[in-house]
Protein backbone atom coordinates (compact mmCIF):
# COMPACT_ATOMS: atom_id res chain seq x y z
CA MET A 1 137.03 32.62 28.36
CA ILE A 2 138.02 32.57 24.68
CA ASP A 3 135.35 31.73 22.12
CA ASN A 4 136.58 28.85 19.93
CA ASP A 5 134.68 30.36 17.00
CA ASP A 6 136.73 33.56 17.31
CA PRO A 7 140.34 32.57 18.06
CA GLU A 8 143.06 35.12 18.74
CA PRO A 9 144.91 36.07 15.54
CA ARG A 10 148.30 34.41 15.12
CA LYS A 11 151.37 36.59 14.79
CA PRO A 12 153.23 35.96 11.52
CA GLU A 13 156.69 34.42 11.69
CA PRO A 14 159.46 36.80 10.63
CA PRO A 15 161.60 35.75 7.71
CA ASP A 16 165.10 34.53 8.39
CA PRO A 17 167.84 36.98 7.32
CA GLY A 18 168.93 34.44 4.71
CA ASP A 19 165.46 34.46 3.12
CA CYS A 20 166.27 37.79 1.44
CA CYS A 21 168.32 37.39 -1.73
CA GLY A 22 169.70 40.94 -1.49
CA GLY A 23 168.69 41.61 -5.08
CA GLY A 24 166.47 44.62 -4.37
CA CYS A 25 163.25 42.80 -5.24
CA VAL A 26 160.14 44.94 -5.56
CA ARG A 27 158.39 42.66 -3.04
CA CYS A 28 161.14 41.56 -0.68
CA VAL A 29 160.28 38.93 1.92
CA PHE A 30 160.69 41.65 4.54
CA ASP A 31 158.07 43.80 2.76
CA VAL A 32 155.70 40.84 2.73
CA TYR A 33 156.33 40.29 6.45
CA GLU A 34 155.73 43.97 7.21
CA ASP A 35 152.39 43.82 5.38
CA ALA A 36 151.48 40.65 7.28
CA MET A 37 152.34 42.35 10.58
CA GLU A 38 150.11 45.32 9.73
CA ARG A 39 147.21 42.95 8.97
CA TYR A 40 147.93 41.02 12.18
CA LEU A 41 147.96 44.15 14.34
CA ALA A 42 144.67 45.34 12.84
CA ALA A 43 143.11 41.91 13.35
CA LEU A 44 144.46 41.75 16.91
CA ALA A 45 143.03 45.18 17.77
CA ALA A 46 139.63 44.12 16.42
CA TRP A 47 139.82 40.82 18.31
CA GLN A 48 140.77 42.61 21.55
CA ALA A 49 137.78 44.91 21.12
CA ARG A 50 135.55 41.83 20.92
CA HIS A 51 137.30 40.20 23.91
CA PRO A 52 138.15 43.06 26.28
CA ASP A 53 138.70 40.85 29.33
CA THR A 54 141.17 38.49 27.62
CA GLN A 55 144.94 38.74 27.98
CA VAL A 56 146.83 38.64 24.67
CA SER A 57 149.34 35.83 24.16
CA LYS A 58 152.92 36.90 23.67
């Protein structure tokens, strides 16, 4: 059973290919997404450690 006070982290939505302007920005939307995915995966691993008997949503 999932604790409502500790919900499973939500996976970030990837940017659409058209979201990138192609201008070589220092912080491209794809860089921001990659950082968000790293934070998500760390949060998910911590959440799974707290809820070892719970299946992860896909």
